[in-house]
Amino acid sequence: RDMAVVRKLNHFGRLDTDIANLEAGLTRLKADQQRAEKS
């Protein structure tokens, strides 16, 4: 939900690197949670 707000603030791509790093962290978190749930 909060990433959606960050994306809206990404004027002219100046936050592309920050967004990529946050999305990588979010992807890892979701994968970890899915693994834990499967386990």
Full PDB file with SEQRES, HELIX, SHEET, SSBOND, CRYST1, ORIGX, SCALE, CONECT and MASTER records, all heavy atoms in Angstrom:
SEQRES   1 A   39  ARG ASP MET ALA VAL VAL ARG LYS LEU ASN HIS PHE GLY          
SEQRES   2 A   39  ARG LEU ASP THR ASP ILE ALA ASN LEU GLU ALA GLY LEU          
SEQRES   3 A   39  THR ARG LEU LYS ALA ASP GLN GLN ARG ALA GLU LYS SER          
HELIX    1 AA1 ASP A    2  LYS A    8  1                                   7    
HELIX    2 AA2 HIS A   11  GLY A   13  5                                   3    
HELIX    3 AA3 ASP A   16  LYS A   38  1                                  23    
CRYST1    1.000    1.000    1.000  90.00  90.00  90.00 P 1           1          
ORIGX1      1.000000  0.000000  0.000000        0.00000                         
ORIGX2      0.000000  1.000000  0.000000        0.00000                         
ORIGX3      0.000000  0.000000  1.000000        0.00000                         
SCALE1      1.000000  0.000000  0.000000        0.00000                         
SCALE2      0.000000  1.000000  0.000000        0.00000                         
SCALE3      0.000000  0.000000  1.000000        0.00000                         
ATOM      1  N   ARG A   1       0.828  -1.214   0.000  1.00  0.00           N  
ATOM      2  CA  ARG A   1       0.000   0.000   0.000  1.00  0.00           C  
ATOM      3  C   ARG A   1       0.859   1.260   0.000  1.00  0.00           C  
ATOM      4  O   ARG A   1       0.622   2.193  -0.763  1.00  0.00           O  
ATOM      5  CB  ARG A   1      -0.933  -0.005   1.215  1.00  0.00           C  
ATOM      6  CG  ARG A   1      -1.961   1.117   1.167  1.00  0.00           C  
ATOM      7  CD  ARG A   1      -2.775   1.199   2.411  1.00  0.00           C  
ATOM      8  NE  ARG A   1      -1.919   1.763   3.453  1.00  0.00           N  
ATOM      9  CZ  ARG A   1      -2.113   1.586   4.736  1.00  0.00           C  
ATOM     10  NH1 ARG A   1      -3.101   0.841   5.170  1.00  0.00           N  
ATOM     11  NH2 ARG A   1      -1.321   2.143   5.614  1.00  0.00           N  
ATOM     12  N   ASP A   2       1.886   1.274   0.829  1.00  0.00           N  
ATOM     13  CA  ASP A   2       2.736   2.459   0.920  1.00  0.00           C  
ATOM     14  C   ASP A   2       3.635   2.620  -0.305  1.00  0.00           C  
ATOM     15  O   ASP A   2       4.002   3.734  -0.666  1.00  0.00           O  
ATOM     16  CB  ASP A   2       3.545   2.419   2.218  1.00  0.00           C  
ATOM     17  CG  ASP A   2       2.645   2.579   3.442  1.00  0.00           C  
ATOM     18  OD1 ASP A   2       1.647   3.322   3.356  1.00  0.00           O  
ATOM     19  OD2 ASP A   2       2.941   1.964   4.477  1.00  0.00           O  
ATOM     20  N   MET A   3       3.969   1.511  -0.962  1.00  0.00           N  
ATOM     21  CA  MET A   3       4.752   1.591  -2.196  1.00  0.00           C  
ATOM     22  C   MET A   3       3.975   2.337  -3.281  1.00  0.00           C  
ATOM     23  O   MET A   3       4.574   3.041  -4.100  1.00  0.00           O  
ATOM     24  CB  MET A   3       5.115   0.192  -2.711  1.00  0.00           C  
ATOM     25  CG  MET A   3       6.315  -0.421  -2.053  1.00  0.00           C  
ATOM     26  SD  MET A   3       7.853   0.489  -2.345  1.00  0.00           S  
ATOM     27  CE  MET A   3       7.997   0.387  -4.106  1.00  0.00           C  
ATOM     28  N   ALA A   4       2.658   2.183  -3.283  1.00  0.00           N  
ATOM     29  CA  ALA A   4       1.840   2.884  -4.278  1.00  0.00           C  
ATOM     30  C   ALA A   4       2.020   4.393  -4.149  1.00  0.00           C  
ATOM     31  O   ALA A   4       2.085   5.106  -5.158  1.00  0.00           O  
ATOM     32  CB  ALA A   4       0.370   2.491  -4.116  1.00  0.00           C  
ATOM     33  N   VAL A   5       2.143   4.878  -2.937  1.00  0.00           N  
ATOM     34  CA  VAL A   5       2.348   6.311  -2.713  1.00  0.00           C  
ATOM     35  C   VAL A   5       3.731   6.728  -3.209  1.00  0.00           C  
ATOM     36  O   VAL A   5       3.886   7.762  -3.854  1.00  0.00           O  
ATOM     37  CB  VAL A   5       2.162   6.684  -1.223  1.00  0.00           C  
ATOM     38  CG1 VAL A   5       2.398   8.168  -0.993  1.00  0.00           C  
ATOM     39  CG2 VAL A   5       0.768   6.288  -0.741  1.00  0.00           C  
ATOM     40  N   VAL A   6       4.734   5.915  -2.925  1.00  0.00           N  
ATOM     41  CA  VAL A   6       6.094   6.226  -3.390  1.00  0.00           C  
ATOM     42  C   VAL A   6       6.125   6.285  -4.912  1.00  0.00           C  
ATOM     43  O   VAL A   6       6.716   7.195  -5.493  1.00  0.00           O  
ATOM     44  CB  VAL A   6       7.120   5.196  -2.846  1.00  0.00           C  
ATOM     45  CG1 VAL A   6       8.499   5.428  -3.450  1.00  0.00           C  
ATOM     46  CG2 VAL A   6       7.194   5.258  -1.320  1.00  0.00           C  
ATOM     47  N   ARG A   7       5.460   5.335  -5.549  1.00  0.00           N  
ATOM     48  CA  ARG A   7       5.438   5.328  -7.019  1.00  0.00           C  
ATOM     49  C   ARG A   7       4.826   6.613  -7.580  1.00  0.00           C  
ATOM     50  O   ARG A   7       5.282   7.121  -8.598  1.00  0.00           O  
ATOM     51  CB  ARG A   7       4.679   4.103  -7.531  1.00  0.00           C  
ATOM     52  CG  ARG A   7       5.461   2.836  -7.412  1.00  0.00           C  
ATOM     53  CD  ARG A   7       4.734   1.667  -8.081  1.00  0.00           C  
ATOM     54  NE  ARG A   7       5.212   0.423  -7.525  1.00  0.00           N  
ATOM     55  CZ  ARG A   7       4.599  -0.277  -6.573  1.00  0.00           C  
ATOM     56  NH1 ARG A   7       3.459   0.129  -6.059  1.00  0.00           N  
ATOM     57  NH2 ARG A   7       5.126  -1.386  -6.132  1.00  0.00           N  
ATOM     58  N   LYS A   8       3.801   7.118  -6.920  1.00  0.00           N  
ATOM     59  CA  LYS A   8       3.158   8.365  -7.376  1.00  0.00           C  
ATOM     60  C   LYS A   8       4.103   9.554  -7.243  1.00  0.00           C  
ATOM     61  O   LYS A   8       3.962  10.542  -7.959  1.00  0.00           O  
ATOM     62  CB  LYS A   8       1.878   8.627  -6.579  1.00  0.00           C  
ATOM     63  CG  LYS A   8       0.752   7.706  -6.952  1.00  0.00           C  
ATOM     64  CD  LYS A   8      -0.466   8.014  -6.111  1.00  0.00           C  
ATOM     65  CE  LYS A   8      -1.565   6.983  -6.360  1.00  0.00           C  
ATOM     66  NZ  LYS A   8      -2.724   7.213  -5.498  1.00  0.00           N  
ATOM     67  N   LEU A   9       5.042   9.485  -6.330  1.00  0.00           N  
ATOM     68  CA  LEU A   9       5.998  10.574  -6.117  1.00  0.00           C  
ATOM     69  C   LEU A   9       7.225  10.466  -7.026  1.00  0.00           C  
ATOM     70  O   LEU A   9       8.109  11.310  -6.962  1.00  0.00           O  
ATOM     71  CB  LEU A   9       6.440  10.599  -4.648  1.00  0.00           C  
ATOM     72  CG  LEU A   9       5.350  10.932  -3.629  1.00  0.00           C  
ATOM     73  CD1 LEU A   9       5.850  10.710  -2.210  1.00  0.00           C  
ATOM     74  CD2 LEU A   9       4.865  12.359  -3.810  1.00  0.00           C  
ATOM     75  N   ASN A  10       7.249   9.448  -7.866  1.00  0.00           N  
ATOM     76  CA  ASN A  10       8.406   9.199  -8.721  1.00  0.00           C  
ATOM     77  C   ASN A  10       8.327  10.030 -10.007  1.00  0.00           C  
ATOM     78  O   ASN A  10       8.088   9.515 -11.089  1.00  0.00           O  
ATOM     79  CB  ASN A  10       8.515   7.709  -9.060  1.00  0.00           C  
ATOM     80  CG  ASN A  10       9.805   7.378  -9.768  1.00  0.00           C  
ATOM     81  OD1 ASN A  10      10.759   8.145  -9.730  1.00  0.00           O  
ATOM     82  ND2 ASN A  10       9.834   6.237 -10.416  1.00  0.00           N  
ATOM     83  N   HIS A  11       8.570  11.304  -9.866  1.00  0.00           N  
ATOM     84  CA  HIS A  11       8.532  12.207 -11.018  1.00  0.00           C  
ATOM     85  C   HIS A  11       9.828  12.073 -11.811  1.00  0.00           C  
ATOM     86  O   HIS A  11      10.925  12.135 -11.252  1.00  0.00           O  
ATOM     87  CB  HIS A  11       8.327  13.646 -10.556  1.00  0.00           C  
ATOM     88  CG  HIS A  11       7.125  13.811  -9.684  1.00  0.00           C  
ATOM     89  ND1 HIS A  11       5.841  13.653 -10.149  1.00  0.00           N  
ATOM     90  CD2 HIS A  11       7.012  14.062  -8.352  1.00  0.00           C  
ATOM     91  CE1 HIS A  11       4.984  13.836  -9.162  1.00  0.00           C  
ATOM     92  NE2 HIS A  11       5.674  14.073  -8.057  1.00  0.00           N  
ATOM     93  N   PHE A  12       9.681  11.888 -13.110  1.00  0.00           N  
ATOM     94  CA  PHE A  12      10.821  11.802 -14.038  1.00  0.00           C  
ATOM     95  C   PHE A  12      11.790  10.672 -13.689  1.00  0.00           C  
ATOM     96  O   PHE A  12      12.966  10.738 -14.022  1.00  0.00           O  
ATOM     97  CB  PHE A  12      11.566  13.144 -14.118  1.00  0.00           C  
ATOM     98  CG  PHE A  12      10.665  14.296 -14.441  1.00  0.00           C  
ATOM     99  CD1 PHE A  12      10.363  15.244 -13.479  1.00  0.00           C  
ATOM    100  CD2 PHE A  12      10.113  14.418 -15.707  1.00  0.00           C  
ATOM    101  CE1 PHE A  12       9.513  16.309 -13.769  1.00  0.00           C  
ATOM    102  CE2 PHE A  12       9.268  15.478 -16.001  1.00  0.00           C  
ATOM    103  CZ  PHE A  12       8.962  16.432 -15.038  1.00  0.00           C  
ATOM    104  N   GLY A  13      11.304   9.662 -12.974  1.00  0.00           N  
ATOM    105  CA  GLY A  13      12.130   8.497 -12.683  1.00  0.00           C  
ATOM    106  C   GLY A  13      13.212   8.702 -11.646  1.00  0.00           C  
ATOM    107  O   GLY A  13      14.087   7.858 -11.479  1.00  0.00           O  
ATOM    108  N   ARG A  14      13.137   9.800 -10.898  1.00  0.00           N  
ATOM    109  CA  ARG A  14      14.225  10.072  -9.946  1.00  0.00           C  
ATOM    110  C   ARG A  14      14.261   9.108  -8.768  1.00  0.00           C  
ATOM    111  O   ARG A  14      15.264   9.034  -8.054  1.00  0.00           O  
ATOM    112  CB  ARG A  14      14.184  11.519  -9.466  1.00  0.00           C  
ATOM    113  CG  ARG A  14      13.010  11.849  -8.576  1.00  0.00           C  
ATOM    114  CD  ARG A  14      12.970  13.347  -8.250  1.00  0.00           C  
ATOM    115  NE  ARG A  14      11.904  13.616  -7.315  1.00  0.00           N  
ATOM    116  CZ  ARG A  14      12.066  14.182  -6.157  1.00  0.00           C  
ATOM    117  NH1 ARG A  14      13.270  14.586  -5.792  1.00  0.00           N  
ATOM    118  NH2 ARG A  14      11.058  14.387  -5.361  1.00  0.00           N  
ATOM    119  N   LEU A  15      13.185   8.348  -8.582  1.00  0.00           N  
ATOM    120  CA  LEU A  15      13.147   7.383  -7.475  1.00  0.00           C  
ATOM    121  C   LEU A  15      13.280   5.948  -7.956  1.00  0.00           C  
ATOM    122  O   LEU A  15      13.085   5.008  -7.185  1.00  0.00           O  
ATOM    123  CB  LEU A  15      11.844   7.529  -6.682  1.00  0.00           C  
ATOM    124  CG  LEU A  15      11.546   8.892  -6.079  1.00  0.00           C  
ATOM    125  CD1 LEU A  15      10.179   8.890  -5.414  1.00  0.00           C  
ATOM    126  CD2 LEU A  15      12.625   9.294  -5.103  1.00  0.00           C  
ATOM    127  N   ASP A  16      13.622   5.761  -9.223  1.00  0.00           N  
ATOM    128  CA  ASP A  16      13.671   4.410  -9.794  1.00  0.00           C  
ATOM    129  C   ASP A  16      14.558   3.467  -8.980  1.00  0.00           C  
ATOM    130  O   ASP A  16      14.176   2.325  -8.710  1.00  0.00           O  
ATOM    131  CB  ASP A  16      14.159   4.449 -11.246  1.00  0.00           C  
ATOM    132  CG  ASP A  16      13.103   4.985 -12.200  1.00  0.00           C  
ATOM    133  OD1 ASP A  16      11.935   5.165 -11.788  1.00  0.00           O  
ATOM    134  OD2 ASP A  16      13.452   5.242 -13.374  1.00  0.00           O  
ATOM    135  N   THR A  17      15.724   3.915  -8.584  1.00  0.00           N  
ATOM    136  CA  THR A  17      16.642   3.056  -7.826  1.00  0.00           C  
ATOM    137  C   THR A  17      16.064   2.725  -6.453  1.00  0.00           C  
ATOM    138  O   THR A  17      16.093   1.561  -6.024  1.00  0.00           O  
ATOM    139  CB  THR A  17      18.017   3.735  -7.676  1.00  0.00           C  
ATOM    140  OG1 THR A  17      18.529   3.988  -8.977  1.00  0.00           O  
ATOM    141  CG2 THR A  17      18.983   2.868  -6.896  1.00  0.00           C  
ATOM    142  N   ASP A  18      15.525   3.727  -5.763  1.00  0.00           N  
ATOM    143  CA  ASP A  18      14.916   3.491  -4.448  1.00  0.00           C  
ATOM    144  C   ASP A  18      13.754   2.509  -4.564  1.00  0.00           C  
ATOM    145  O   ASP A  18      13.629   1.585  -3.752  1.00  0.00           O  
ATOM    146  CB  ASP A  18      14.421   4.802  -3.829  1.00  0.00           C  
ATOM    147  CG  ASP A  18      15.550   5.737  -3.465  1.00  0.00           C  
ATOM    148  OD1 ASP A  18      16.490   5.300  -2.784  1.00  0.00           O  
ATOM    149  OD2 ASP A  18      15.486   6.913  -3.882  1.00  0.00           O  
ATOM    150  N   ILE A  19      12.921   2.716  -5.574  1.00  0.00           N  
ATOM    151  CA  ILE A  19      11.763   1.847  -5.767  1.00  0.00           C  
ATOM    152  C   ILE A  19      12.219   0.423  -6.071  1.00  0.00           C  
ATOM    153  O   ILE A  19      11.667  -0.543  -5.519  1.00  0.00           O  
ATOM    154  CB  ILE A  19      10.842   2.411  -6.869  1.00  0.00           C  
ATOM    155  CG1 ILE A  19      10.141   3.671  -6.346  1.00  0.00           C  
ATOM    156  CG2 ILE A  19       9.826   1.373  -7.327  1.00  0.00           C  
ATOM    157  CD1 ILE A  19       9.366   4.445  -7.388  1.00  0.00           C  
ATOM    158  N   ALA A  20      13.227   0.271  -6.911  1.00  0.00           N  
ATOM    159  CA  ALA A  20      13.732  -1.067  -7.236  1.00  0.00           C  
ATOM    160  C   ALA A  20      14.247  -1.767  -5.979  1.00  0.00           C  
ATOM    161  O   ALA A  20      13.983  -2.965  -5.776  1.00  0.00           O  
ATOM    162  CB  ALA A  20      14.833  -0.975  -8.284  1.00  0.00           C  
ATOM    163  N   ASN A  21      14.955  -1.048  -5.135  1.00  0.00           N  
ATOM    164  CA  ASN A  21      15.473  -1.643  -3.889  1.00  0.00           C  
ATOM    165  C   ASN A  21      14.345  -2.043  -2.950  1.00  0.00           C  
ATOM    166  O   ASN A  21      14.384  -3.125  -2.340  1.00  0.00           O  
ATOM    167  CB  ASN A  21      16.422  -0.677  -3.191  1.00  0.00           C  
ATOM    168  CG  ASN A  21      17.722  -0.501  -3.937  1.00  0.00           C  
ATOM    169  OD1 ASN A  21      18.148  -1.381  -4.676  1.00  0.00           O  
ATOM    170  ND2 ASN A  21      18.358   0.637  -3.755  1.00  0.00           N  
ATOM    171  N   LEU A  22      13.341  -1.175  -2.809  1.00  0.00           N  
ATOM    172  CA  LEU A  22      12.207  -1.488  -1.940  1.00  0.00           C  
ATOM    173  C   LEU A  22      11.414  -2.668  -2.490  1.00  0.00           C  
ATOM    174  O   LEU A  22      10.994  -3.552  -1.738  1.00  0.00           O  
ATOM    175  CB  LEU A  22      11.304  -0.266  -1.773  1.00  0.00           C  
ATOM    176  CG  LEU A  22      11.897   0.895  -0.988  1.00  0.00           C  
ATOM    177  CD1 LEU A  22      11.010   2.127  -1.098  1.00  0.00           C  
ATOM    178  CD2 LEU A  22      12.115   0.530   0.463  1.00  0.00           C  
ATOM    179  N   GLU A  23      11.201  -2.683  -3.798  1.00  0.00           N  
ATOM    180  CA  GLU A  23      10.449  -3.783  -4.399  1.00  0.00           C  
ATOM    181  C   GLU A  23      11.210  -5.107  -4.255  1.00  0.00           C  
ATOM    182  O   GLU A  23      10.598  -6.152  -4.056  1.00  0.00           O  
ATOM    183  CB  GLU A  23      10.122  -3.482  -5.855  1.00  0.00           C  
ATOM    184  CG  GLU A  23       9.022  -2.440  -5.966  1.00  0.00           C  
ATOM    185  CD  GLU A  23       8.658  -2.063  -7.390  1.00  0.00           C  
ATOM    186  OE1 GLU A  23       9.451  -2.347  -8.319  1.00  0.00           O  
ATOM    187  OE2 GLU A  23       7.583  -1.484  -7.561  1.00  0.00           O  
ATOM    188  N   ALA A  24      12.537  -5.068  -4.339  1.00  0.00           N  
ATOM    189  CA  ALA A  24      13.334  -6.279  -4.123  1.00  0.00           C  
ATOM    190  C   ALA A  24      13.138  -6.781  -2.698  1.00  0.00           C  
ATOM    191  O   ALA A  24      12.978  -7.991  -2.467  1.00  0.00           O  
ATOM    192  CB  ALA A  24      14.809  -6.009  -4.409  1.00  0.00           C  
ATOM    193  N   GLY A  25      13.146  -5.875  -1.733  1.00  0.00           N  
ATOM    194  CA  GLY A  25      12.902  -6.248  -0.341  1.00  0.00           C  
ATOM    195  C   GLY A  25      11.513  -6.817  -0.148  1.00  0.00           C  
ATOM    196  O   GLY A  25      11.325  -7.802   0.581  1.00  0.00           O  
ATOM    197  N   LEU A  26      10.534  -6.227  -0.809  1.00  0.00           N  
ATOM    198  CA  LEU A  26       9.158  -6.700  -0.704  1.00  0.00           C  
ATOM    199  C   LEU A  26       9.016  -8.084  -1.349  1.00  0.00           C  
ATOM    200  O   LEU A  26       8.352  -8.963  -0.795  1.00  0.00           O  
ATOM    201  CB  LEU A  26       8.208  -5.694  -1.361  1.00  0.00           C  
ATOM    202  CG  LEU A  26       6.719  -5.997  -1.287  1.00  0.00           C  
ATOM    203  CD1 LEU A  26       6.264  -6.217   0.145  1.00  0.00           C  
ATOM    204  CD2 LEU A  26       5.934  -4.857  -1.933  1.00  0.00           C  
ATOM    205  N   THR A  27       9.663  -8.292  -2.462  1.00  0.00           N  
ATOM    206  CA  THR A  27       9.632  -9.596  -3.128  1.00  0.00           C  
ATOM    207  C   THR A  27      10.248 -10.667  -2.228  1.00  0.00           C  
ATOM    208  O   THR A  27       9.695 -11.767  -2.088  1.00  0.00           O  
ATOM    209  CB  THR A  27      10.376  -9.530  -4.477  1.00  0.00           C  
ATOM    210  OG1 THR A  27       9.707  -8.572  -5.314  1.00  0.00           O  
ATOM    211  CG2 THR A  27      10.414 -10.869  -5.170  1.00  0.00           C  
ATOM    212  N   ARG A  28      11.387 -10.349  -1.596  1.00  0.00           N  
ATOM    213  CA  ARG A  28      12.019 -11.294  -0.662  1.00  0.00           C  
ATOM    214  C   ARG A  28      11.094 -11.605   0.509  1.00  0.00           C  
ATOM    215  O   ARG A  28      10.958 -12.765   0.919  1.00  0.00           O  
ATOM    216  CB  ARG A  28      13.349 -10.743  -0.144  1.00  0.00           C  
ATOM    217  CG  ARG A  28      14.514 -10.915  -1.099  1.00  0.00           C  
ATOM    218  CD  ARG A  28      15.847 -10.574  -0.451  1.00  0.00           C  
ATOM    219  NE  ARG A  28      15.910  -9.214   0.073  1.00  0.00           N  
ATOM    220  CZ  ARG A  28      16.253  -8.145  -0.645  1.00  0.00           C  
ATOM    221  NH1 ARG A  28      16.572  -8.264  -1.918  1.00  0.00           N  
ATOM    222  NH2 ARG A  28      16.291  -6.947  -0.083  1.00  0.00           N  
ATOM    223  N   LEU A  29      10.461 -10.566   1.054  1.00  0.00           N  
ATOM    224  CA  LEU A  29       9.556 -10.758   2.186  1.00  0.00           C  
ATOM    225  C   LEU A  29       8.403 -11.678   1.804  1.00  0.00           C  
ATOM    226  O   LEU A  29       8.076 -12.613   2.538  1.00  0.00           O  
ATOM    227  CB  LEU A  29       9.028  -9.403   2.678  1.00  0.00           C  
ATOM    228  CG  LEU A  29       7.953  -9.442   3.756  1.00  0.00           C  
ATOM    229  CD1 LEU A  29       8.467 -10.130   5.018  1.00  0.00           C  
ATOM    230  CD2 LEU A  29       7.468  -8.032   4.063  1.00  0.00           C  
ATOM    231  N   LYS A  30       7.790 -11.426   0.660  1.00  0.00           N  
ATOM    232  CA  LYS A  30       6.662 -12.258   0.229  1.00  0.00           C  
ATOM    233  C   LYS A  30       7.109 -13.697  -0.003  1.00  0.00           C  
ATOM    234  O   LYS A  30       6.398 -14.634   0.373  1.00  0.00           O  
ATOM    235  CB  LYS A  30       6.040 -11.686  -1.042  1.00  0.00           C  
ATOM    236  CG  LYS A  30       5.242 -10.419  -0.805  1.00  0.00           C  
ATOM    237  CD  LYS A  30       4.683  -9.884  -2.102  1.00  0.00           C  
ATOM    238  CE  LYS A  30       3.857  -8.640  -1.889  1.00  0.00           C  
ATOM    239  NZ  LYS A  30       3.326  -8.109  -3.170  1.00  0.00           N  
ATOM    240  N   ALA A  31       8.274 -13.886  -0.600  1.00  0.00           N  
ATOM    241  CA  ALA A  31       8.797 -15.243  -0.829  1.00  0.00           C  
ATOM    242  C   ALA A  31       9.054 -15.951   0.497  1.00  0.00           C  
ATOM    243  O   ALA A  31       8.712 -17.132   0.654  1.00  0.00           O  
ATOM    244  CB  ALA A  31      10.068 -15.178  -1.672  1.00  0.00           C  
ATOM    245  N   ASP A  32       9.646 -15.240   1.451  1.00  0.00           N  
ATOM    246  CA  ASP A  32       9.904 -15.823   2.772  1.00  0.00           C  
ATOM    247  C   ASP A  32       8.599 -16.211   3.455  1.00  0.00           C  
ATOM    248  O   ASP A  32       8.505 -17.280   4.067  1.00  0.00           O  
ATOM    249  CB  ASP A  32      10.674 -14.839   3.668  1.00  0.00           C  
ATOM    250  CG  ASP A  32      12.110 -14.637   3.233  1.00  0.00           C  
ATOM    251  OD1 ASP A  32      12.612 -15.424   2.394  1.00  0.00           O  
ATOM    252  OD2 ASP A  32      12.740 -13.661   3.719  1.00  0.00           O  
ATOM    253  N   GLN A  33       7.600 -15.355   3.350  1.00  0.00           N  
ATOM    254  CA  GLN A  33       6.315 -15.646   3.978  1.00  0.00           C  
ATOM    255  C   GLN A  33       5.622 -16.829   3.313  1.00  0.00           C  
ATOM    256  O   GLN A  33       5.016 -17.655   3.988  1.00  0.00           O  
ATOM    257  CB  GLN A  33       5.423 -14.398   3.968  1.00  0.00           C  
ATOM    258  CG  GLN A  33       5.922 -13.327   4.915  1.00  0.00           C  
ATOM    259  CD  GLN A  33       5.121 -12.042   4.863  1.00  0.00           C  
ATOM    260  OE1 GLN A  33       4.415 -11.754   3.902  1.00  0.00           O  
ATOM    261  NE2 GLN A  33       5.250 -11.249   5.921  1.00  0.00           N  
ATOM    262  N   GLN A  34       5.744 -16.932   1.980  1.00  0.00           N  
ATOM    263  CA  GLN A  34       5.154 -18.075   1.277  1.00  0.00           C  
ATOM    264  C   GLN A  34       5.849 -19.369   1.677  1.00  0.00           C  
ATOM    265  O   GLN A  34       5.190 -20.392   1.899  1.00  0.00           O  
ATOM    266  CB  GLN A  34       5.240 -17.877  -0.230  1.00  0.00           C  
ATOM    267  CG  GLN A  34       4.257 -16.856  -0.754  1.00  0.00           C  
ATOM    268  CD  GLN A  34       4.424 -16.600  -2.246  1.00  0.00           C  
ATOM    269  OE1 GLN A  34       5.429 -16.979  -2.839  1.00  0.00           O  
ATOM    270  NE2 GLN A  34       3.440 -15.952  -2.832  1.00  0.00           N  
ATOM    271  N   ARG A  35       7.186 -19.329   1.784  1.00  0.00           N  
ATOM    272  CA  ARG A  35       7.927 -20.514   2.211  1.00  0.00           C  
ATOM    273  C   ARG A  35       7.517 -20.930   3.630  1.00  0.00           C  
ATOM    274  O   ARG A  35       7.337 -22.115   3.913  1.00  0.00           O  
ATOM    275  CB  ARG A  35       9.435 -20.266   2.163  1.00  0.00           C  
ATOM    276  CG  ARG A  35      10.044 -20.534   0.800  1.00  0.00           C  
ATOM    277  CD  ARG A  35      11.562 -20.568   0.863  1.00  0.00           C  
ATOM    278  NE  ARG A  35      12.166 -19.298   1.260  1.00  0.00           N  
ATOM    279  CZ  ARG A  35      12.384 -18.282   0.426  1.00  0.00           C  
ATOM    280  NH1 ARG A  35      12.051 -18.365  -0.833  1.00  0.00           N  
ATOM    281  NH2 ARG A  35      12.940 -17.171   0.870  1.00  0.00           N  
ATOM    282  N   ALA A  36       7.380 -19.947   4.504  1.00  0.00           N  
ATOM    283  CA  ALA A  36       6.988 -20.246   5.885  1.00  0.00           C  
ATOM    284  C   ALA A  36       5.588 -20.852   5.924  1.00  0.00           C  
ATOM    285  O   ALA A  36       5.337 -21.797   6.680  1.00  0.00           O  
ATOM    286  CB  ALA A  36       7.060 -18.985   6.739  1.00  0.00           C  
ATOM    287  N   GLU A  37       4.702 -20.331   5.106  1.00  0.00           N  
ATOM    288  CA  GLU A  37       3.328 -20.845   5.069  1.00  0.00           C  
ATOM    289  C   GLU A  37       3.306 -22.276   4.523  1.00  0.00           C  
ATOM    290  O   GLU A  37       2.622 -23.140   5.071  1.00  0.00           O  
ATOM    291  CB  GLU A  37       2.440 -19.941   4.212  1.00  0.00           C  
ATOM    292  CG  GLU A  37       0.974 -20.241   4.322  1.00  0.00           C  
ATOM    293  CD  GLU A  37       0.420 -20.138   5.723  1.00  0.00           C  
ATOM    294  OE1 GLU A  37       0.843 -19.239   6.480  1.00  0.00           O  
ATOM    295  OE2 GLU A  37      -0.459 -20.958   6.074  1.00  0.00           O  
ATOM    296  N   LYS A  38       4.075 -22.530   3.463  1.00  0.00           N  
ATOM    297  CA  LYS A  38       4.157 -23.884   2.909  1.00  0.00           C  
ATOM    298  C   LYS A  38       4.738 -24.843   3.930  1.00  0.00           C  
ATOM    299  O   LYS A  38       4.294 -25.983   4.061  1.00  0.00           O  
ATOM    300  CB  LYS A  38       5.005 -23.896   1.638  1.00  0.00           C  
ATOM    301  CG  LYS A  38       4.285 -23.375   0.426  1.00  0.00           C  
ATOM    302  CD  LYS A  38       5.185 -23.449  -0.791  1.00  0.00           C  
ATOM    303  CE  LYS A  38       4.506 -22.836  -1.995  1.00  0.00           C  
ATOM    304  NZ  LYS A  38       5.386 -22.848  -3.180  1.00  0.00           N  
ATOM    305  N   SER A  39       5.749 -24.384   4.658  1.00  0.00           N  
ATOM    306  CA  SER A  39       6.383 -25.217   5.667  1.00  0.00           C  
ATOM    307  C   SER A  39       5.385 -25.565   6.770  1.00  0.00           C  
ATOM    308  O   SER A  39       5.362 -26.689   7.259  1.00  0.00           O  
ATOM    309  CB  SER A  39       7.596 -24.502   6.243  1.00  0.00           C  
ATOM    310  OG  SER A  39       8.165 -25.257   7.276  1.00  0.00           O  
TER     311      SER A  39                                                      
MASTER        0    0    0    3    0    0    0    6  310    1    0    3          
END                                                                             
